[in-house]
N, C-alpha and C. Protein backbone atom coordinates (compact mmCIF):
# COMPACT_ATOMS: atom_id res chain seq x y z
N MET A 1 12.10 10.35 82.28
CA MET A 1 11.67 9.16 81.56
C MET A 1 12.33 9.14 80.17
N LYS A 2 12.87 8.00 79.77
CA LYS A 2 13.51 7.88 78.47
C LYS A 2 12.48 7.96 77.35
N LEU A 3 12.98 8.29 76.16
CA LEU A 3 12.09 8.44 75.02
C LEU A 3 11.33 7.15 74.73
N SER A 4 12.02 6.00 74.82
CA SER A 4 11.35 4.73 74.55
C SER A 4 10.22 4.48 75.54
N GLY A 5 10.43 4.91 76.79
CA GLY A 5 9.40 4.73 77.81
C GLY A 5 8.19 5.59 77.52
N ILE A 6 8.41 6.82 77.04
CA ILE A 6 7.30 7.71 76.69
C ILE A 6 6.50 7.14 75.53
N ALA A 7 7.22 6.60 74.53
CA ALA A 7 6.54 6.02 73.38
C ALA A 7 5.67 4.85 73.79
N THR A 8 6.21 4.03 74.71
CA THR A 8 5.44 2.89 75.18
C THR A 8 4.19 3.33 75.92
N LEU A 9 4.35 4.38 76.74
CA LEU A 9 3.22 4.91 77.50
C LEU A 9 2.14 5.46 76.58
N VAL A 10 2.55 6.24 75.56
CA VAL A 10 1.60 6.82 74.62
C VAL A 10 0.86 5.73 73.85
N THR A 11 1.64 4.72 73.42
CA THR A 11 1.03 3.62 72.69
C THR A 11 -0.01 2.91 73.53
N GLY A 12 0.31 2.71 74.81
CA GLY A 12 -0.61 2.04 75.71
C GLY A 12 -1.88 2.84 75.92
N VAL A 13 -1.75 4.16 76.06
CA VAL A 13 -2.91 5.02 76.25
C VAL A 13 -3.82 4.98 75.02
N VAL A 14 -3.22 5.11 73.84
CA VAL A 14 -3.99 5.09 72.61
C VAL A 14 -4.72 3.76 72.44
N LEU A 15 -4.00 2.65 72.70
CA LEU A 15 -4.62 1.35 72.59
C LEU A 15 -5.78 1.20 73.56
N GLY A 16 -5.59 1.72 74.77
CA GLY A 16 -6.65 1.64 75.76
C GLY A 16 -7.89 2.40 75.34
N VAL A 17 -7.70 3.57 74.76
CA VAL A 17 -8.83 4.38 74.29
C VAL A 17 -9.57 3.66 73.17
N VAL A 18 -8.81 3.07 72.24
CA VAL A 18 -9.43 2.36 71.12
C VAL A 18 -10.24 1.18 71.61
N LEU A 19 -9.67 0.39 72.53
CA LEU A 19 -10.38 -0.77 73.04
C LEU A 19 -11.60 -0.36 73.84
N ALA A 20 -11.48 0.69 74.63
CA ALA A 20 -12.60 1.15 75.44
C ALA A 20 -13.74 1.63 74.54
N SER A 21 -13.38 2.31 73.45
CA SER A 21 -14.40 2.79 72.53
C SER A 21 -15.10 1.65 71.82
N ALA A 22 -14.31 0.64 71.45
CA ALA A 22 -14.86 -0.49 70.70
C ALA A 22 -15.86 -1.29 71.51
N PHE A 23 -15.62 -1.38 72.82
CA PHE A 23 -16.47 -2.22 73.64
C PHE A 23 -17.41 -1.43 74.54
N ALA A 24 -17.45 -0.11 74.38
CA ALA A 24 -18.35 0.71 75.19
C ALA A 24 -19.78 0.46 74.76
N PRO A 25 -20.74 0.54 75.69
CA PRO A 25 -22.15 0.34 75.35
C PRO A 25 -22.59 1.34 74.28
N GLY A 26 -23.35 0.84 73.31
CA GLY A 26 -23.89 1.72 72.28
C GLY A 26 -22.93 2.03 71.15
N VAL A 27 -21.70 1.52 71.22
CA VAL A 27 -20.72 1.78 70.18
C VAL A 27 -20.43 0.47 69.47
N SER A 28 -20.67 0.40 68.18
CA SER A 28 -20.45 -0.83 67.43
C SER A 28 -19.16 -0.74 66.63
N ALA A 29 -18.59 -1.89 66.34
CA ALA A 29 -17.39 -1.94 65.54
C ALA A 29 -17.72 -1.52 64.11
N ALA A 30 -16.69 -1.09 63.36
CA ALA A 30 -16.90 -0.67 61.99
C ALA A 30 -17.45 -1.82 61.16
N LYS A 31 -18.40 -1.51 60.29
CA LYS A 31 -19.04 -2.53 59.47
C LYS A 31 -18.05 -3.05 58.44
N LYS A 32 -17.99 -4.37 58.31
CA LYS A 32 -17.11 -4.97 57.33
C LYS A 32 -17.63 -4.73 55.93
N ALA A 33 -16.70 -4.58 55.00
CA ALA A 33 -17.10 -4.43 53.61
C ALA A 33 -17.71 -5.74 53.12
N TYR A 34 -18.82 -5.63 52.39
CA TYR A 34 -19.51 -6.83 51.91
C TYR A 34 -18.96 -7.23 50.56
N VAL A 35 -18.61 -8.49 50.44
CA VAL A 35 -18.14 -9.03 49.17
C VAL A 35 -19.10 -10.13 48.74
N ARG A 36 -19.78 -9.91 47.64
CA ARG A 36 -20.79 -10.86 47.18
C ARG A 36 -20.13 -12.13 46.63
N LEU A 37 -20.70 -13.28 46.98
CA LEU A 37 -20.20 -14.54 46.45
C LEU A 37 -20.42 -14.60 44.95
N THR A 38 -19.43 -15.09 44.23
CA THR A 38 -19.56 -15.21 42.78
C THR A 38 -19.97 -16.61 42.35
N VAL A 39 -19.81 -17.57 43.24
CA VAL A 39 -20.21 -18.95 42.97
C VAL A 39 -21.17 -19.41 44.07
N PRO A 40 -22.36 -19.88 43.72
CA PRO A 40 -23.32 -20.29 44.76
C PRO A 40 -22.77 -21.41 45.64
N ARG A 41 -23.01 -21.28 46.94
CA ARG A 41 -22.68 -22.37 47.85
C ARG A 41 -23.75 -23.46 47.79
N ILE A 42 -24.98 -23.03 47.54
CA ILE A 42 -26.09 -23.96 47.35
C ILE A 42 -26.71 -23.60 46.00
N LYS A 43 -26.58 -24.49 45.06
CA LYS A 43 -27.05 -24.21 43.71
C LYS A 43 -28.56 -24.40 43.61
N PRO A 44 -29.28 -23.42 43.05
CA PRO A 44 -30.72 -23.60 42.84
C PRO A 44 -30.99 -24.85 42.01
N ILE A 45 -32.01 -25.59 42.38
CA ILE A 45 -32.34 -26.83 41.68
C ILE A 45 -33.04 -26.49 40.35
N GLU A 46 -32.58 -27.12 39.29
CA GLU A 46 -33.21 -26.91 37.98
C GLU A 46 -34.62 -27.52 37.99
N ILE A 47 -35.55 -26.82 37.40
CA ILE A 47 -36.94 -27.29 37.38
C ILE A 47 -37.03 -28.68 36.75
N ALA A 48 -36.23 -28.90 35.71
CA ALA A 48 -36.26 -30.20 35.03
C ALA A 48 -35.78 -31.34 35.93
N ASP A 49 -35.06 -31.00 37.00
CA ASP A 49 -34.50 -32.01 37.89
C ASP A 49 -35.34 -32.23 39.15
N PHE A 50 -36.50 -31.57 39.24
CA PHE A 50 -37.34 -31.71 40.43
C PHE A 50 -37.73 -33.16 40.66
N THR A 51 -37.70 -33.57 41.91
CA THR A 51 -38.23 -34.87 42.31
C THR A 51 -39.75 -34.75 42.42
N PRO A 52 -40.45 -35.85 42.53
CA PRO A 52 -41.90 -35.77 42.74
C PRO A 52 -42.26 -34.95 43.99
N GLU A 53 -41.46 -35.05 45.03
CA GLU A 53 -41.73 -34.30 46.26
C GLU A 53 -41.54 -32.80 46.03
N GLN A 54 -40.52 -32.44 45.26
CA GLN A 54 -40.28 -31.03 44.96
C GLN A 54 -41.37 -30.47 44.06
N LYS A 55 -41.83 -31.26 43.10
CA LYS A 55 -42.94 -30.83 42.24
C LYS A 55 -44.20 -30.60 43.07
N ALA A 56 -44.43 -31.48 44.02
CA ALA A 56 -45.61 -31.32 44.88
C ALA A 56 -45.48 -30.08 45.75
N ALA A 57 -44.25 -29.77 46.18
CA ALA A 57 -44.02 -28.62 47.06
C ALA A 57 -44.32 -27.30 46.36
N VAL A 58 -44.02 -27.19 45.07
CA VAL A 58 -44.27 -25.93 44.36
C VAL A 58 -45.71 -25.85 43.85
N GLY A 59 -46.42 -26.98 43.84
CA GLY A 59 -47.83 -26.97 43.45
C GLY A 59 -48.04 -26.42 42.06
N GLU A 60 -48.90 -25.42 41.93
CA GLU A 60 -49.24 -24.86 40.63
C GLU A 60 -48.29 -23.74 40.19
N ASN A 61 -47.24 -23.50 40.97
CA ASN A 61 -46.25 -22.48 40.62
C ASN A 61 -45.39 -23.01 39.48
N ALA A 62 -45.71 -22.60 38.28
CA ALA A 62 -45.02 -23.12 37.09
C ALA A 62 -43.62 -22.54 36.91
N ARG A 63 -43.36 -21.40 37.54
CA ARG A 63 -42.06 -20.75 37.38
C ARG A 63 -41.47 -20.38 38.74
N PRO A 64 -41.17 -21.36 39.57
CA PRO A 64 -40.58 -21.05 40.87
C PRO A 64 -39.23 -20.34 40.71
N ASN A 65 -39.06 -19.26 41.45
CA ASN A 65 -37.82 -18.50 41.29
C ASN A 65 -36.66 -19.14 42.06
N LEU A 66 -35.49 -18.53 41.97
CA LEU A 66 -34.30 -19.10 42.58
C LEU A 66 -34.39 -19.13 44.10
N ASN A 67 -35.12 -18.20 44.66
CA ASN A 67 -35.31 -18.16 46.12
C ASN A 67 -35.94 -19.46 46.60
N LEU A 68 -37.00 -19.86 45.93
CA LEU A 68 -37.69 -21.10 46.28
C LEU A 68 -36.88 -22.32 45.87
N ARG A 69 -36.33 -22.28 44.68
CA ARG A 69 -35.61 -23.45 44.16
C ARG A 69 -34.35 -23.78 44.97
N SER A 70 -33.80 -22.80 45.65
CA SER A 70 -32.63 -23.06 46.50
C SER A 70 -33.02 -23.63 47.85
N ALA A 71 -34.30 -23.52 48.20
CA ALA A 71 -34.78 -24.05 49.49
C ALA A 71 -35.41 -25.42 49.36
N LEU A 72 -35.56 -25.90 48.13
CA LEU A 72 -36.30 -27.13 47.90
C LEU A 72 -35.50 -28.41 48.15
N TYR A 73 -34.27 -28.26 48.63
CA TYR A 73 -33.53 -29.47 49.01
C TYR A 73 -34.29 -30.20 50.13
N GLU A 74 -35.04 -29.43 50.91
CA GLU A 74 -36.00 -30.01 51.85
C GLU A 74 -37.38 -29.53 51.39
N PRO A 75 -38.08 -30.32 50.61
CA PRO A 75 -39.30 -29.85 49.95
C PRO A 75 -40.34 -29.26 50.90
N GLU A 76 -40.57 -29.89 52.03
CA GLU A 76 -41.58 -29.37 52.95
C GLU A 76 -41.17 -28.03 53.51
N PHE A 77 -39.88 -27.88 53.80
CA PHE A 77 -39.38 -26.59 54.27
C PHE A 77 -39.57 -25.52 53.19
N GLY A 78 -39.17 -25.86 51.96
CA GLY A 78 -39.31 -24.90 50.87
C GLY A 78 -40.75 -24.47 50.68
N LYS A 79 -41.65 -25.41 50.76
CA LYS A 79 -43.08 -25.12 50.61
C LYS A 79 -43.57 -24.15 51.69
N ARG A 80 -43.21 -24.44 52.94
CA ARG A 80 -43.69 -23.60 54.04
C ARG A 80 -43.00 -22.23 54.04
N TRP A 81 -41.73 -22.20 53.69
CA TRP A 81 -41.00 -20.93 53.61
C TRP A 81 -41.63 -20.04 52.56
N TRP A 82 -41.91 -20.60 51.39
CA TRP A 82 -42.49 -19.79 50.32
C TRP A 82 -43.89 -19.32 50.67
N SER A 83 -44.65 -20.17 51.33
CA SER A 83 -46.00 -19.79 51.75
C SER A 83 -45.96 -18.61 52.72
N TRP A 84 -45.04 -18.67 53.68
CA TRP A 84 -44.93 -17.59 54.67
C TRP A 84 -44.42 -16.31 54.02
N LEU A 85 -43.39 -16.43 53.18
CA LEU A 85 -42.80 -15.26 52.53
C LEU A 85 -43.82 -14.53 51.69
N THR A 86 -44.57 -15.28 50.90
CA THR A 86 -45.57 -14.64 50.03
C THR A 86 -46.77 -14.13 50.83
N PHE A 87 -47.09 -14.78 51.93
CA PHE A 87 -48.17 -14.28 52.78
C PHE A 87 -47.82 -12.92 53.36
N VAL A 88 -46.61 -12.80 53.88
CA VAL A 88 -46.18 -11.51 54.46
C VAL A 88 -46.15 -10.44 53.39
N TRP A 89 -45.68 -10.78 52.20
CA TRP A 89 -45.54 -9.77 51.14
C TRP A 89 -46.88 -9.33 50.58
N ASN A 90 -47.82 -10.25 50.38
CA ASN A 90 -49.02 -9.98 49.61
C ASN A 90 -50.03 -9.12 50.36
N ALA A 91 -49.86 -7.82 50.24
CA ALA A 91 -50.77 -6.90 50.91
C ALA A 91 -52.16 -6.90 50.28
N ASP A 92 -52.24 -7.24 49.00
CA ASP A 92 -53.53 -7.24 48.31
C ASP A 92 -54.49 -8.27 48.91
N ALA A 93 -53.94 -9.33 49.47
CA ALA A 93 -54.77 -10.38 50.07
C ALA A 93 -55.12 -10.08 51.52
N ARG A 94 -54.53 -9.01 52.07
CA ARG A 94 -54.76 -8.69 53.48
C ARG A 94 -55.07 -7.20 53.64
N VAL A 95 -55.99 -6.72 52.82
CA VAL A 95 -56.34 -5.31 52.86
C VAL A 95 -56.83 -4.92 54.25
N GLY A 96 -56.23 -3.89 54.81
CA GLY A 96 -56.58 -3.44 56.15
C GLY A 96 -55.75 -4.09 57.24
N SER A 97 -55.09 -5.21 56.89
CA SER A 97 -54.24 -5.89 57.86
C SER A 97 -52.76 -5.77 57.53
N ALA A 98 -52.47 -5.21 56.37
CA ALA A 98 -51.08 -5.05 55.93
C ALA A 98 -50.89 -3.65 55.36
N ILE A 99 -49.68 -3.13 55.46
CA ILE A 99 -49.40 -1.87 54.78
C ILE A 99 -49.44 -2.13 53.28
N THR A 100 -49.77 -1.13 52.51
CA THR A 100 -49.94 -1.31 51.07
C THR A 100 -48.60 -1.67 50.42
N LEU A 101 -48.67 -2.22 49.21
CA LEU A 101 -47.44 -2.55 48.49
C LEU A 101 -46.64 -1.29 48.14
N TYR A 102 -47.31 -0.18 48.00
CA TYR A 102 -46.59 1.09 47.78
C TYR A 102 -45.67 1.36 48.96
N ASP A 103 -46.18 1.18 50.17
CA ASP A 103 -45.37 1.38 51.37
C ASP A 103 -44.43 0.21 51.61
N LYS A 104 -44.93 -0.99 51.41
CA LYS A 104 -44.15 -2.20 51.71
C LYS A 104 -42.89 -2.29 50.86
N GLU A 105 -43.00 -1.92 49.59
CA GLU A 105 -41.83 -2.01 48.72
C GLU A 105 -40.74 -1.02 49.13
N LEU A 106 -41.11 0.12 49.64
CA LEU A 106 -40.12 1.05 50.18
C LEU A 106 -39.39 0.41 51.35
N VAL A 107 -40.14 -0.20 52.23
CA VAL A 107 -39.57 -0.87 53.41
C VAL A 107 -38.64 -2.01 52.97
N ILE A 108 -39.10 -2.83 52.04
CA ILE A 108 -38.32 -3.98 51.59
C ILE A 108 -37.01 -3.54 50.94
N LEU A 109 -37.08 -2.54 50.07
CA LEU A 109 -35.87 -2.09 49.38
C LEU A 109 -34.87 -1.47 50.35
N ARG A 110 -35.35 -0.78 51.36
CA ARG A 110 -34.42 -0.22 52.35
C ARG A 110 -33.75 -1.34 53.14
N VAL A 111 -34.51 -2.37 53.51
CA VAL A 111 -33.92 -3.53 54.18
C VAL A 111 -32.88 -4.18 53.27
N ASN A 112 -33.23 -4.37 51.99
CA ASN A 112 -32.29 -4.96 51.04
C ASN A 112 -30.99 -4.17 51.01
N TYR A 113 -31.12 -2.84 50.96
CA TYR A 113 -29.93 -2.00 50.89
C TYR A 113 -29.06 -2.16 52.14
N LEU A 114 -29.69 -2.10 53.31
CA LEU A 114 -28.94 -2.21 54.56
C LEU A 114 -28.29 -3.57 54.73
N CYS A 115 -28.92 -4.61 54.17
CA CYS A 115 -28.44 -5.99 54.34
C CYS A 115 -27.66 -6.50 53.14
N ASN A 116 -27.36 -5.62 52.18
CA ASN A 116 -26.58 -6.02 51.00
C ASN A 116 -27.24 -7.12 50.18
N ASP A 117 -28.56 -7.16 50.19
CA ASP A 117 -29.27 -8.23 49.50
C ASP A 117 -29.52 -7.84 48.04
N ASP A 118 -28.50 -8.10 47.21
CA ASP A 118 -28.59 -7.76 45.79
C ASP A 118 -29.72 -8.52 45.10
N TRP A 119 -29.90 -9.77 45.47
CA TRP A 119 -30.86 -10.60 44.76
C TRP A 119 -32.28 -10.06 44.93
N VAL A 120 -32.68 -9.81 46.18
CA VAL A 120 -34.05 -9.33 46.40
C VAL A 120 -34.20 -7.89 45.90
N TRP A 121 -33.16 -7.08 46.03
CA TRP A 121 -33.21 -5.72 45.48
C TRP A 121 -33.57 -5.78 44.00
N GLY A 122 -32.85 -6.62 43.25
CA GLY A 122 -33.10 -6.72 41.82
C GLY A 122 -34.51 -7.17 41.50
N GLN A 123 -35.04 -8.08 42.31
CA GLN A 123 -36.40 -8.58 42.10
C GLN A 123 -37.45 -7.52 42.41
N HIS A 124 -37.19 -6.70 43.43
CA HIS A 124 -38.24 -5.83 43.94
C HIS A 124 -38.23 -4.41 43.37
N VAL A 125 -37.18 -3.99 42.71
CA VAL A 125 -37.22 -2.67 42.08
C VAL A 125 -38.36 -2.59 41.06
N PRO A 126 -38.50 -3.55 40.14
CA PRO A 126 -39.64 -3.46 39.21
C PRO A 126 -41.00 -3.60 39.90
N ILE A 127 -41.05 -4.38 40.99
CA ILE A 127 -42.31 -4.51 41.73
C ILE A 127 -42.66 -3.17 42.37
N ALA A 128 -41.66 -2.49 42.92
CA ALA A 128 -41.89 -1.18 43.53
C ALA A 128 -42.40 -0.18 42.50
N LYS A 129 -41.84 -0.23 41.31
CA LYS A 129 -42.27 0.69 40.25
C LYS A 129 -43.71 0.39 39.82
N ARG A 130 -44.05 -0.89 39.74
CA ARG A 130 -45.42 -1.24 39.36
C ARG A 130 -46.43 -0.78 40.40
N ASN A 131 -45.96 -0.59 41.63
CA ASN A 131 -46.86 -0.17 42.70
C ASN A 131 -46.72 1.31 43.05
N GLY A 132 -46.16 2.08 42.12
CA GLY A 132 -46.21 3.54 42.25
C GLY A 132 -44.94 4.23 42.67
N ARG A 133 -43.87 3.48 42.95
CA ARG A 133 -42.62 4.11 43.33
C ARG A 133 -41.90 4.64 42.09
N THR A 134 -41.36 5.85 42.19
CA THR A 134 -40.69 6.47 41.07
C THR A 134 -39.19 6.15 41.07
N ASP A 135 -38.55 6.43 39.95
CA ASP A 135 -37.10 6.27 39.88
C ASP A 135 -36.40 7.15 40.92
N GLU A 136 -36.98 8.33 41.15
CA GLU A 136 -36.40 9.24 42.14
C GLU A 136 -36.49 8.64 43.55
N ASP A 137 -37.63 8.02 43.87
CA ASP A 137 -37.77 7.35 45.16
C ASP A 137 -36.68 6.30 45.34
N ILE A 138 -36.53 5.46 44.34
CA ILE A 138 -35.60 4.34 44.43
C ILE A 138 -34.16 4.83 44.51
N ALA A 139 -33.86 5.91 43.78
CA ALA A 139 -32.49 6.45 43.79
C ALA A 139 -32.09 7.01 45.14
N ARG A 140 -33.06 7.48 45.94
CA ARG A 140 -32.67 8.05 47.23
C ARG A 140 -32.85 7.09 48.40
N ILE A 141 -33.31 5.87 48.14
CA ILE A 141 -33.43 4.88 49.21
C ILE A 141 -32.09 4.65 49.92
N PRO A 142 -30.96 4.57 49.20
CA PRO A 142 -29.68 4.40 49.90
C PRO A 142 -29.36 5.52 50.89
N LYS A 143 -29.93 6.71 50.70
CA LYS A 143 -29.66 7.83 51.60
C LYS A 143 -30.49 7.77 52.87
N GLY A 144 -31.53 6.93 52.89
CA GLY A 144 -32.31 6.73 54.09
C GLY A 144 -33.30 7.84 54.39
N ALA A 145 -33.73 7.86 55.66
CA ALA A 145 -34.80 8.77 56.08
C ALA A 145 -34.39 10.24 56.03
N ALA A 146 -33.10 10.51 56.10
CA ALA A 146 -32.64 11.91 56.14
C ALA A 146 -32.63 12.57 54.77
N ALA A 147 -32.82 11.81 53.70
CA ALA A 147 -32.77 12.38 52.36
C ALA A 147 -33.94 13.34 52.14
N LYS A 148 -33.70 14.38 51.37
CA LYS A 148 -34.76 15.33 51.05
C LYS A 148 -35.71 14.73 50.02
N GLY A 149 -36.99 15.05 50.17
CA GLY A 149 -37.98 14.64 49.18
C GLY A 149 -38.97 13.61 49.67
N TRP A 150 -38.72 13.00 50.83
CA TRP A 150 -39.66 12.00 51.34
C TRP A 150 -40.89 12.68 51.93
N SER A 151 -42.02 12.02 51.82
CA SER A 151 -43.19 12.44 52.58
C SER A 151 -42.96 12.09 54.04
N GLU A 152 -43.77 12.61 54.94
CA GLU A 152 -43.61 12.29 56.35
C GLU A 152 -43.84 10.81 56.61
N LYS A 153 -44.79 10.21 55.91
CA LYS A 153 -45.03 8.77 56.08
C LYS A 153 -43.82 7.97 55.62
N ASP A 154 -43.27 8.30 54.46
CA ASP A 154 -42.09 7.58 53.96
C ASP A 154 -40.92 7.73 54.93
N ARG A 155 -40.74 8.94 55.43
CA ARG A 155 -39.63 9.19 56.36
C ARG A 155 -39.77 8.33 57.61
N LEU A 156 -40.98 8.24 58.13
CA LEU A 156 -41.21 7.43 59.34
C LEU A 156 -41.00 5.94 59.06
N LEU A 157 -41.44 5.48 57.90
CA LEU A 157 -41.23 4.08 57.54
C LEU A 157 -39.73 3.77 57.44
N LEU A 158 -38.99 4.65 56.80
CA LEU A 158 -37.55 4.43 56.67
C LEU A 158 -36.85 4.52 58.02
N GLN A 159 -37.34 5.40 58.88
CA GLN A 159 -36.77 5.52 60.22
C GLN A 159 -37.02 4.23 61.01
N ALA A 160 -38.22 3.67 60.87
CA ALA A 160 -38.53 2.41 61.57
C ALA A 160 -37.62 1.29 61.09
N VAL A 161 -37.39 1.21 59.78
CA VAL A 161 -36.48 0.19 59.25
C VAL A 161 -35.09 0.34 59.85
N GLN A 162 -34.61 1.58 59.89
CA GLN A 162 -33.27 1.84 60.42
C GLN A 162 -33.17 1.43 61.89
N GLU A 163 -34.17 1.79 62.66
CA GLU A 163 -34.16 1.48 64.09
C GLU A 163 -34.24 -0.03 64.34
N LEU A 164 -35.07 -0.70 63.58
CA LEU A 164 -35.16 -2.15 63.74
C LEU A 164 -33.87 -2.83 63.31
N HIS A 165 -33.24 -2.30 62.27
CA HIS A 165 -31.98 -2.86 61.78
C HIS A 165 -30.85 -2.67 62.80
N GLU A 166 -30.81 -1.51 63.42
CA GLU A 166 -29.70 -1.20 64.33
C GLU A 166 -29.97 -1.60 65.78
N ASP A 167 -31.22 -1.40 66.23
CA ASP A 167 -31.53 -1.56 67.66
C ASP A 167 -32.54 -2.68 67.95
N TYR A 168 -33.13 -3.26 66.90
CA TYR A 168 -34.19 -4.26 67.09
C TYR A 168 -35.35 -3.68 67.90
N PHE A 169 -35.61 -2.40 67.70
CA PHE A 169 -36.61 -1.70 68.50
C PHE A 169 -37.01 -0.43 67.78
N VAL A 170 -38.32 -0.15 67.74
CA VAL A 170 -38.82 1.10 67.16
C VAL A 170 -38.98 2.11 68.29
N SER A 171 -38.37 3.27 68.13
CA SER A 171 -38.43 4.29 69.17
C SER A 171 -39.85 4.81 69.37
N ASP A 172 -40.10 5.41 70.51
CA ASP A 172 -41.43 5.96 70.80
C ASP A 172 -41.85 7.00 69.76
N ALA A 173 -40.91 7.87 69.39
CA ALA A 173 -41.24 8.94 68.44
C ALA A 173 -41.68 8.36 67.10
N THR A 174 -40.94 7.38 66.62
CA THR A 174 -41.27 6.77 65.33
C THR A 174 -42.56 5.97 65.43
N TRP A 175 -42.70 5.21 66.50
CA TRP A 175 -43.92 4.41 66.71
C TRP A 175 -45.16 5.29 66.78
N ASN A 176 -45.08 6.35 67.56
CA ASN A 176 -46.23 7.23 67.73
C ASN A 176 -46.62 7.90 66.42
N GLY A 177 -45.60 8.27 65.63
CA GLY A 177 -45.88 8.88 64.33
C GLY A 177 -46.57 7.92 63.38
N LEU A 178 -46.06 6.69 63.32
CA LEU A 178 -46.64 5.69 62.43
C LEU A 178 -48.02 5.25 62.89
N SER A 179 -48.25 5.24 64.20
CA SER A 179 -49.54 4.80 64.74
C SER A 179 -50.67 5.75 64.38
N LYS A 180 -50.33 6.96 63.97
CA LYS A 180 -51.34 7.90 63.52
C LYS A 180 -51.76 7.61 62.07
N ILE A 181 -50.95 6.80 61.39
CA ILE A 181 -51.20 6.50 59.98
C ILE A 181 -51.71 5.08 59.79
N PHE A 182 -51.16 4.14 60.57
CA PHE A 182 -51.47 2.72 60.39
C PHE A 182 -52.20 2.16 61.61
N ASN A 183 -53.04 1.15 61.36
CA ASN A 183 -53.74 0.51 62.47
C ASN A 183 -52.84 -0.54 63.13
N THR A 184 -53.33 -1.17 64.17
CA THR A 184 -52.53 -2.13 64.93
C THR A 184 -52.05 -3.29 64.07
N LYS A 185 -52.95 -3.84 63.25
CA LYS A 185 -52.56 -4.96 62.38
C LYS A 185 -51.45 -4.55 61.42
N GLN A 186 -51.54 -3.35 60.90
CA GLN A 186 -50.53 -2.87 59.96
C GLN A 186 -49.19 -2.60 60.65
N MET A 187 -49.22 -2.17 61.89
CA MET A 187 -47.97 -1.98 62.64
C MET A 187 -47.27 -3.32 62.85
N ILE A 188 -48.05 -4.36 63.15
CA ILE A 188 -47.47 -5.70 63.28
C ILE A 188 -46.90 -6.15 61.94
N ASP A 189 -47.63 -5.90 60.87
CA ASP A 189 -47.17 -6.27 59.53
C ASP A 189 -45.85 -5.59 59.20
N LEU A 190 -45.71 -4.33 59.56
CA LEU A 190 -44.48 -3.59 59.31
C LEU A 190 -43.29 -4.27 59.98
N ILE A 191 -43.43 -4.60 61.24
CA ILE A 191 -42.33 -5.23 61.98
C ILE A 191 -41.95 -6.57 61.36
N PHE A 192 -42.96 -7.38 61.04
CA PHE A 192 -42.67 -8.70 60.47
C PHE A 192 -42.10 -8.60 59.06
N THR A 193 -42.50 -7.58 58.31
CA THR A 193 -41.93 -7.39 56.98
C THR A 193 -40.44 -7.09 57.08
N VAL A 194 -40.09 -6.18 57.98
CA VAL A 194 -38.66 -5.85 58.17
C VAL A 194 -37.88 -7.10 58.60
N GLY A 195 -38.41 -7.83 59.57
CA GLY A 195 -37.72 -9.01 60.05
C GLY A 195 -37.62 -10.10 59.00
N ASN A 196 -38.69 -10.28 58.23
CA ASN A 196 -38.72 -11.33 57.23
C ASN A 196 -37.67 -11.11 56.15
N TYR A 197 -37.48 -9.85 55.75
CA TYR A 197 -36.52 -9.59 54.69
C TYR A 197 -35.08 -9.51 55.21
N HIS A 198 -34.91 -9.33 56.51
CA HIS A 198 -33.58 -9.55 57.09
C HIS A 198 -33.22 -11.03 56.99
N LEU A 199 -34.18 -11.89 57.33
CA LEU A 199 -33.95 -13.33 57.22
C LEU A 199 -33.66 -13.72 55.77
N ASN A 200 -34.43 -13.15 54.85
CA ASN A 200 -34.21 -13.48 53.45
C ASN A 200 -32.82 -13.05 52.99
N ALA A 201 -32.34 -11.91 53.50
CA ALA A 201 -30.99 -11.45 53.15
C ALA A 201 -29.93 -12.40 53.68
N MET A 202 -30.10 -12.87 54.91
CA MET A 202 -29.15 -13.85 55.46
C MET A 202 -29.08 -15.08 54.55
N TYR A 203 -30.23 -15.48 54.08
CA TYR A 203 -30.34 -16.67 53.24
C TYR A 203 -29.71 -16.44 51.86
N THR A 204 -30.18 -15.43 51.13
CA THR A 204 -29.69 -15.23 49.76
C THR A 204 -28.20 -14.89 49.73
N ASN A 205 -27.75 -14.07 50.68
CA ASN A 205 -26.33 -13.70 50.71
C ASN A 205 -25.45 -14.91 51.03
N SER A 206 -25.87 -15.68 52.02
CA SER A 206 -25.02 -16.78 52.51
C SER A 206 -24.95 -17.96 51.55
N VAL A 207 -26.05 -18.23 50.81
CA VAL A 207 -26.00 -19.33 49.85
C VAL A 207 -25.43 -18.88 48.52
N GLY A 208 -25.26 -17.57 48.35
CA GLY A 208 -24.73 -17.06 47.09
C GLY A 208 -25.73 -17.13 45.96
N MET A 209 -26.96 -16.69 46.25
CA MET A 209 -28.02 -16.72 45.24
C MET A 209 -27.60 -15.93 44.00
N PRO A 210 -27.51 -16.57 42.85
CA PRO A 210 -27.09 -15.85 41.64
C PRO A 210 -28.17 -14.88 41.17
N LEU A 211 -27.76 -13.75 40.65
CA LEU A 211 -28.72 -12.80 40.09
C LEU A 211 -29.37 -13.42 38.86
N GLU A 212 -30.68 -13.25 38.77
CA GLU A 212 -31.38 -13.80 37.62
C GLU A 212 -31.20 -12.88 36.40
N LYS A 213 -31.24 -13.46 35.23
CA LYS A 213 -31.03 -12.73 34.00
C LYS A 213 -32.00 -11.56 33.90
N GLY A 214 -31.43 -10.38 33.62
CA GLY A 214 -32.25 -9.18 33.47
C GLY A 214 -32.47 -8.39 34.74
N PHE A 215 -31.95 -8.90 35.88
CA PHE A 215 -32.12 -8.21 37.17
C PHE A 215 -30.76 -7.77 37.69
N GLY A 216 -30.68 -6.50 38.08
CA GLY A 216 -29.43 -5.97 38.62
C GLY A 216 -29.41 -6.02 40.14
N GLY A 217 -28.27 -5.65 40.70
CA GLY A 217 -28.13 -5.61 42.16
C GLY A 217 -28.21 -4.19 42.69
N ILE A 218 -27.87 -4.03 43.96
CA ILE A 218 -27.91 -2.73 44.62
C ILE A 218 -26.89 -1.79 43.98
N PRO A 219 -27.26 -0.54 43.66
CA PRO A 219 -26.27 0.42 43.12
C PRO A 219 -25.27 0.79 44.22
N ARG A 220 -24.01 0.68 43.88
CA ARG A 220 -22.96 1.01 44.86
C ARG A 220 -21.98 1.99 44.27
């Protein structure tokens, strides 16, 4: 066989292996690098420019944030979205039916990190601190469940986030561990919290939600 023929054969074999690996079950393509938008695709509506319908949608909320103000192009949608988002988040209003804000903020920040959601990360770091999370906790969130220093509960929560993010499914081992700590209502709350903040990341990232003054993004 001529040298050119051997080179062609080797190239074909290598290409075949690469393609087979890329499309084999359980093997995902390499994650694309995330580049944050610098100019919003959908500009948050200025409070001074609210229509009567938009004013009615925010109700008594005197300081609607950019998350809500970017959704108010359809006032009824913005109203219902904000109601659902805050309902899922507000563990204080659902004691016994939701995981605590101490636990919830760990879950939210890990979702933010995995989904490149700089906007919500910046908003929730101070909330996490107000609810008992330390600077050390927040600094190791990017390392995930395998990082040293987590309690067993924290490790299981982070493992559940990872599994839901990658597989859309909580493994038996993780589920069984968490079920010893949380009741049925709280397990449901955990799943919906993870899903809700994935949706929020799709929204804030895709519309190019600008970071609010005084709030930073994910450390990279």
